[in-house]
Amino acid sequence: MDDVLLTWDRKNDKRFLRFSFKGHLTEEVAKSAISNWKKEFGSNVTDGERVNIIWNCLEMKKYSPLAAKVWKNALLELSDKIDDIWLITTNPFFKMGARTMTMLTSFKLRSASSESEITYSKI
């Protein structure tokens, strides 16, 4: 089943919202995940707070161009609440897509091939 699971984590006084992607990220799935993302930010992020994001794409098979477009729009809309973004994938196509999506933003996009590679102290 196509899915995006959102979970919160705290490491070294930094808050992380983790997106775990599975299957095919369609426009419909992306819109549902973005709706959940906005709810999470609305109920868990205080004014002026910035949260680090983890995109765990290890179980994602593919994504549609329309999904990427609505995701980029959400990034821009929620940019005042986002600090850095970590991308977890071994897929070079996903890395290229994420870099393209964040290229015109002020976000630092960092890549890792597993969550254990994330450095929580200086991101």
N, C-alpha and C. Protein backbone atom coordinates (compact mmCIF):
# COMPACT_ATOMS: atom_id res chain seq x y z
N MET A 1 0.84 -1.19 0.00
CA MET A 1 0.00 0.00 0.00
C MET A 1 0.88 1.24 0.00
N ASP A 2 0.52 2.23 -0.79
CA ASP A 2 1.24 3.50 -0.83
C ASP A 2 0.95 4.25 0.46
N ASP A 3 2.00 4.83 1.05
CA ASP A 3 1.81 5.39 2.37
C ASP A 3 2.91 6.40 2.68
N VAL A 4 2.57 7.36 3.56
CA VAL A 4 3.56 8.27 4.12
C VAL A 4 3.25 8.36 5.61
N LEU A 5 4.16 7.88 6.43
CA LEU A 5 3.99 7.90 7.87
C LEU A 5 4.79 9.06 8.45
N LEU A 6 4.17 9.87 9.31
CA LEU A 6 4.83 10.98 9.97
C LEU A 6 5.05 10.65 11.43
N THR A 7 6.27 10.85 11.92
CA THR A 7 6.59 10.62 13.33
C THR A 7 7.53 11.72 13.82
N TRP A 8 7.43 12.04 15.10
CA TRP A 8 8.28 13.05 15.72
C TRP A 8 9.43 12.38 16.45
N ASP A 9 10.56 13.09 16.52
CA ASP A 9 11.72 12.60 17.25
C ASP A 9 12.46 13.82 17.79
N ARG A 10 13.21 13.62 18.85
CA ARG A 10 14.05 14.67 19.41
C ARG A 10 15.43 14.08 19.66
N LYS A 11 16.44 14.75 19.13
CA LYS A 11 17.83 14.33 19.32
C LYS A 11 18.65 15.57 19.62
N ASN A 12 19.40 15.51 20.72
CA ASN A 12 20.29 16.62 21.10
C ASN A 12 19.59 17.97 21.02
N ASP A 13 18.43 18.07 21.63
CA ASP A 13 17.64 19.31 21.70
C ASP A 13 17.15 19.82 20.36
N LYS A 14 17.15 18.98 19.34
CA LYS A 14 16.59 19.35 18.04
C LYS A 14 15.37 18.49 17.79
N ARG A 15 14.33 19.11 17.25
CA ARG A 15 13.11 18.38 16.91
C ARG A 15 13.13 18.00 15.44
N PHE A 16 12.69 16.77 15.18
CA PHE A 16 12.65 16.24 13.82
C PHE A 16 11.26 15.71 13.53
N LEU A 17 10.75 16.04 12.35
CA LEU A 17 9.55 15.40 11.84
C LEU A 17 10.00 14.49 10.72
N ARG A 18 9.76 13.18 10.91
CA ARG A 18 10.20 12.17 9.96
C ARG A 18 9.05 11.75 9.07
N PHE A 19 9.31 11.75 7.78
CA PHE A 19 8.37 11.25 6.77
C PHE A 19 8.94 9.93 6.28
N SER A 20 8.21 8.85 6.45
CA SER A 20 8.63 7.54 5.94
C SER A 20 7.74 7.21 4.75
N PHE A 21 8.33 7.24 3.57
CA PHE A 21 7.60 7.02 2.32
C PHE A 21 7.66 5.56 1.93
N LYS A 22 6.52 5.05 1.43
CA LYS A 22 6.46 3.66 0.95
C LYS A 22 5.74 3.65 -0.39
N GLY A 23 6.19 2.80 -1.28
CA GLY A 23 5.48 2.61 -2.54
C GLY A 23 5.63 3.78 -3.50
N HIS A 24 4.53 4.14 -4.13
CA HIS A 24 4.50 5.16 -5.16
C HIS A 24 3.89 6.43 -4.59
N LEU A 25 4.66 7.52 -4.60
CA LEU A 25 4.15 8.81 -4.12
C LEU A 25 3.42 9.49 -5.28
N THR A 26 2.10 9.37 -5.25
CA THR A 26 1.26 10.00 -6.26
C THR A 26 0.86 11.39 -5.78
N GLU A 27 0.25 12.16 -6.65
CA GLU A 27 -0.25 13.48 -6.26
C GLU A 27 -1.25 13.35 -5.11
N GLU A 28 -2.14 12.37 -5.21
CA GLU A 28 -3.16 12.17 -4.18
C GLU A 28 -2.53 11.82 -2.83
N VAL A 29 -1.56 10.91 -2.83
CA VAL A 29 -0.87 10.52 -1.60
C VAL A 29 -0.11 11.71 -1.04
N ALA A 30 0.55 12.48 -1.91
CA ALA A 30 1.30 13.65 -1.47
C ALA A 30 0.37 14.68 -0.83
N LYS A 31 -0.78 14.93 -1.43
CA LYS A 31 -1.72 15.90 -0.86
C LYS A 31 -2.21 15.46 0.51
N SER A 32 -2.48 14.17 0.66
CA SER A 32 -2.91 13.64 1.96
C SER A 32 -1.79 13.80 3.00
N ALA A 33 -0.55 13.48 2.62
CA ALA A 33 0.59 13.61 3.53
C ALA A 33 0.82 15.08 3.90
N ILE A 34 0.67 15.97 2.93
CA ILE A 34 0.85 17.41 3.20
C ILE A 34 -0.22 17.91 4.16
N SER A 35 -1.44 17.44 3.99
CA SER A 35 -2.52 17.80 4.93
C SER A 35 -2.15 17.36 6.35
N ASN A 36 -1.64 16.13 6.49
CA ASN A 36 -1.19 15.65 7.80
C ASN A 36 -0.01 16.45 8.33
N TRP A 37 0.90 16.81 7.44
CA TRP A 37 2.06 17.63 7.79
C TRP A 37 1.60 18.96 8.37
N LYS A 38 0.68 19.61 7.71
CA LYS A 38 0.17 20.90 8.19
C LYS A 38 -0.52 20.76 9.55
N LYS A 39 -1.25 19.68 9.74
CA LYS A 39 -1.90 19.43 11.04
C LYS A 39 -0.84 19.24 12.12
N GLU A 40 0.20 18.46 11.81
CA GLU A 40 1.28 18.23 12.78
C GLU A 40 1.97 19.54 13.15
N PHE A 41 2.27 20.35 12.16
CA PHE A 41 2.90 21.64 12.44
C PHE A 41 1.96 22.53 13.22
N GLY A 42 0.68 22.51 12.89
CA GLY A 42 -0.30 23.36 13.57
C GLY A 42 -0.46 23.01 15.04
N SER A 43 -0.38 21.74 15.38
CA SER A 43 -0.59 21.34 16.76
C SER A 43 0.69 21.09 17.55
N ASN A 44 1.84 21.01 16.90
CA ASN A 44 3.08 20.66 17.60
C ASN A 44 4.23 21.64 17.44
N VAL A 45 4.05 22.70 16.66
CA VAL A 45 5.13 23.65 16.43
C VAL A 45 4.66 25.04 16.89
N THR A 46 5.42 25.63 17.79
CA THR A 46 5.07 26.95 18.31
C THR A 46 5.52 28.05 17.36
N ASP A 47 4.95 29.22 17.50
CA ASP A 47 5.34 30.36 16.66
C ASP A 47 6.83 30.62 16.81
N GLY A 48 7.49 30.76 15.70
CA GLY A 48 8.92 31.04 15.68
C GLY A 48 9.80 29.81 15.77
N GLU A 49 9.22 28.65 16.08
CA GLU A 49 10.01 27.42 16.17
C GLU A 49 10.29 26.87 14.77
N ARG A 50 11.47 26.29 14.60
CA ARG A 50 11.83 25.66 13.33
C ARG A 50 12.17 24.20 13.61
N VAL A 51 11.71 23.33 12.73
CA VAL A 51 11.84 21.89 12.90
C VAL A 51 12.69 21.33 11.77
N ASN A 52 13.53 20.36 12.10
CA ASN A 52 14.30 19.63 11.09
C ASN A 52 13.41 18.54 10.50
N ILE A 53 13.59 18.28 9.22
CA ILE A 53 12.77 17.32 8.50
C ILE A 53 13.65 16.15 8.06
N ILE A 54 13.10 14.94 8.16
CA ILE A 54 13.75 13.74 7.62
C ILE A 54 12.80 13.15 6.59
N TRP A 55 13.29 12.97 5.37
CA TRP A 55 12.53 12.27 4.33
C TRP A 55 13.17 10.90 4.17
N ASN A 56 12.57 9.89 4.76
CA ASN A 56 13.09 8.53 4.63
C ASN A 56 12.44 7.89 3.41
N CYS A 57 13.21 7.77 2.35
CA CYS A 57 12.71 7.26 1.06
C CYS A 57 13.22 5.86 0.74
N LEU A 58 13.71 5.15 1.74
CA LEU A 58 14.28 3.83 1.48
C LEU A 58 13.24 2.84 0.95
N GLU A 59 11.98 3.01 1.31
CA GLU A 59 10.94 2.09 0.84
C GLU A 59 10.05 2.72 -0.24
N MET A 60 10.42 3.90 -0.71
CA MET A 60 9.66 4.54 -1.79
C MET A 60 10.14 3.95 -3.12
N LYS A 61 9.20 3.61 -3.98
CA LYS A 61 9.54 3.01 -5.27
C LYS A 61 9.68 4.06 -6.37
N LYS A 62 8.76 5.04 -6.36
CA LYS A 62 8.80 6.11 -7.36
C LYS A 62 7.88 7.23 -6.91
N TYR A 63 7.97 8.36 -7.62
CA TYR A 63 7.05 9.47 -7.35
C TYR A 63 6.66 10.10 -8.68
N SER A 64 5.50 10.71 -8.69
CA SER A 64 5.03 11.34 -9.91
C SER A 64 5.48 12.81 -9.95
N PRO A 65 5.61 13.38 -11.14
CA PRO A 65 5.96 14.80 -11.26
C PRO A 65 4.96 15.71 -10.55
N LEU A 66 3.68 15.36 -10.58
CA LEU A 66 2.68 16.19 -9.89
C LEU A 66 2.84 16.11 -8.38
N ALA A 67 3.25 14.96 -7.86
CA ALA A 67 3.52 14.83 -6.43
C ALA A 67 4.68 15.74 -6.04
N ALA A 68 5.73 15.75 -6.86
CA ALA A 68 6.88 16.62 -6.59
C ALA A 68 6.48 18.08 -6.61
N LYS A 69 5.60 18.45 -7.52
CA LYS A 69 5.15 19.84 -7.62
C LYS A 69 4.39 20.27 -6.37
N VAL A 70 3.43 19.46 -5.92
CA VAL A 70 2.67 19.86 -4.73
C VAL A 70 3.57 19.82 -3.49
N TRP A 71 4.55 18.92 -3.47
CA TRP A 71 5.48 18.85 -2.34
C TRP A 71 6.34 20.12 -2.28
N LYS A 72 6.81 20.58 -3.44
CA LYS A 72 7.61 21.80 -3.48
C LYS A 72 6.78 22.99 -3.01
N ASN A 73 5.54 23.06 -3.42
CA ASN A 73 4.67 24.16 -2.98
C ASN A 73 4.47 24.13 -1.46
N ALA A 74 4.34 22.94 -0.89
CA ALA A 74 4.20 22.82 0.56
C ALA A 74 5.47 23.27 1.27
N LEU A 75 6.63 22.92 0.70
CA LEU A 75 7.90 23.37 1.28
C LEU A 75 7.94 24.90 1.35
N LEU A 76 7.55 25.53 0.28
CA LEU A 76 7.57 26.99 0.24
C LEU A 76 6.56 27.57 1.23
N GLU A 77 5.39 26.97 1.32
CA GLU A 77 4.36 27.46 2.23
C GLU A 77 4.76 27.31 3.69
N LEU A 78 5.44 26.24 4.03
CA LEU A 78 5.81 25.95 5.42
C LEU A 78 7.25 26.33 5.74
N SER A 79 7.92 27.04 4.86
CA SER A 79 9.35 27.30 4.98
C SER A 79 9.74 28.01 6.27
N ASP A 80 8.85 28.82 6.84
CA ASP A 80 9.21 29.54 8.06
C ASP A 80 9.26 28.63 9.28
N LYS A 81 8.82 27.39 9.14
CA LYS A 81 8.83 26.43 10.25
C LYS A 81 9.85 25.30 10.04
N ILE A 82 10.58 25.34 8.91
CA ILE A 82 11.52 24.27 8.57
C ILE A 82 12.95 24.76 8.73
N ASP A 83 13.76 23.94 9.38
CA ASP A 83 15.18 24.24 9.51
C ASP A 83 15.93 23.52 8.40
N ASP A 84 16.54 22.40 8.67
CA ASP A 84 17.26 21.63 7.66
C ASP A 84 16.45 20.40 7.25
N ILE A 85 16.81 19.84 6.10
CA ILE A 85 16.13 18.65 5.58
C ILE A 85 17.17 17.57 5.33
N TRP A 86 16.88 16.38 5.85
CA TRP A 86 17.70 15.19 5.59
C TRP A 86 16.94 14.28 4.64
N LEU A 87 17.59 13.81 3.62
CA LEU A 87 17.04 12.85 2.67
C LEU A 87 17.75 11.52 2.87
N ILE A 88 16.99 10.47 3.17
CA ILE A 88 17.57 9.15 3.34
C ILE A 88 17.15 8.31 2.13
N THR A 89 18.13 8.00 1.29
CA THR A 89 17.88 7.20 0.10
C THR A 89 19.19 6.69 -0.46
N THR A 90 19.11 5.64 -1.23
CA THR A 90 20.26 5.18 -2.01
C THR A 90 19.98 5.37 -3.50
N ASN A 91 18.83 5.93 -3.82
CA ASN A 91 18.39 6.11 -5.20
C ASN A 91 18.89 7.46 -5.74
N PRO A 92 19.78 7.45 -6.74
CA PRO A 92 20.31 8.72 -7.27
C PRO A 92 19.22 9.59 -7.90
N PHE A 93 18.18 8.98 -8.45
CA PHE A 93 17.08 9.74 -9.04
C PHE A 93 16.35 10.54 -7.96
N PHE A 94 16.12 9.93 -6.79
CA PHE A 94 15.46 10.63 -5.69
C PHE A 94 16.33 11.77 -5.17
N LYS A 95 17.65 11.54 -5.11
CA LYS A 95 18.57 12.60 -4.66
C LYS A 95 18.51 13.78 -5.61
N MET A 96 18.53 13.51 -6.90
CA MET A 96 18.47 14.57 -7.89
C MET A 96 17.14 15.33 -7.78
N GLY A 97 16.05 14.61 -7.63
CA GLY A 97 14.74 15.25 -7.51
C GLY A 97 14.64 16.13 -6.28
N ALA A 98 15.15 15.66 -5.16
CA ALA A 98 15.10 16.45 -3.92
C ALA A 98 15.99 17.69 -4.03
N ARG A 99 17.15 17.53 -4.64
CA ARG A 99 18.02 18.70 -4.82
C ARG A 99 17.37 19.74 -5.73
N THR A 100 16.72 19.28 -6.78
CA THR A 100 16.02 20.19 -7.68
C THR A 100 14.89 20.90 -6.93
N MET A 101 14.17 20.16 -6.10
CA MET A 101 13.05 20.71 -5.36
C MET A 101 13.50 21.79 -4.37
N THR A 102 14.65 21.62 -3.78
CA THR A 102 15.12 22.56 -2.76
C THR A 102 16.13 23.58 -3.29
N MET A 103 16.48 23.47 -4.55
CA MET A 103 17.52 24.32 -5.12
C MET A 103 17.20 25.81 -4.99
N LEU A 104 15.98 26.18 -5.19
CA LEU A 104 15.61 27.60 -5.16
C LEU A 104 15.11 28.04 -3.80
N THR A 105 15.40 27.25 -2.77
CA THR A 105 15.00 27.61 -1.41
C THR A 105 16.26 27.82 -0.58
N SER A 106 16.06 28.22 0.65
CA SER A 106 17.20 28.44 1.55
C SER A 106 17.52 27.21 2.39
N PHE A 107 16.83 26.09 2.13
CA PHE A 107 17.04 24.89 2.94
C PHE A 107 18.36 24.23 2.64
N LYS A 108 18.97 23.70 3.70
CA LYS A 108 20.12 22.82 3.52
C LYS A 108 19.56 21.42 3.35
N LEU A 109 19.88 20.78 2.26
CA LEU A 109 19.47 19.40 2.02
C LEU A 109 20.70 18.53 2.20
N ARG A 110 20.59 17.58 3.12
CA ARG A 110 21.69 16.66 3.37
C ARG A 110 21.22 15.25 3.05
N SER A 111 22.10 14.45 2.49
CA SER A 111 21.75 13.09 2.10
C SER A 111 22.45 12.07 2.98
N ALA A 112 21.77 10.95 3.16
CA ALA A 112 22.34 9.82 3.89
C ALA A 112 21.75 8.55 3.29
N SER A 113 22.46 7.45 3.43
CA SER A 113 21.92 6.18 2.92
C SER A 113 21.21 5.38 4.02
N SER A 114 21.30 5.86 5.28
CA SER A 114 20.56 5.27 6.38
C SER A 114 20.37 6.33 7.46
N GLU A 115 19.39 6.14 8.31
CA GLU A 115 19.13 7.12 9.35
C GLU A 115 20.28 7.21 10.35
N SER A 116 21.03 6.13 10.52
CA SER A 116 22.16 6.14 11.45
C SER A 116 23.26 7.10 11.01
N GLU A 117 23.26 7.53 9.75
CA GLU A 117 24.27 8.46 9.24
C GLU A 117 23.94 9.92 9.56
N ILE A 118 22.74 10.17 10.03
CA ILE A 118 22.34 11.55 10.33
C ILE A 118 23.12 12.04 11.54
N THR A 119 23.73 13.21 11.39
CA THR A 119 24.44 13.82 12.51
C THR A 119 23.50 14.80 13.16
N TYR A 120 23.07 14.47 14.36
CA TYR A 120 22.07 15.28 15.03
C TYR A 120 22.63 16.53 15.69
N SER A 121 23.92 16.59 15.90
CA SER A 121 24.46 17.69 16.67
C SER A 121 24.69 18.96 15.87
N LYS A 122 24.97 18.87 14.59
CA LYS A 122 25.33 20.08 13.84
C LYS A 122 24.63 20.12 12.52
N ILE A 123 23.32 20.03 12.51
CA ILE A 123 22.65 20.19 11.23
C ILE A 123 21.88 21.48 11.23
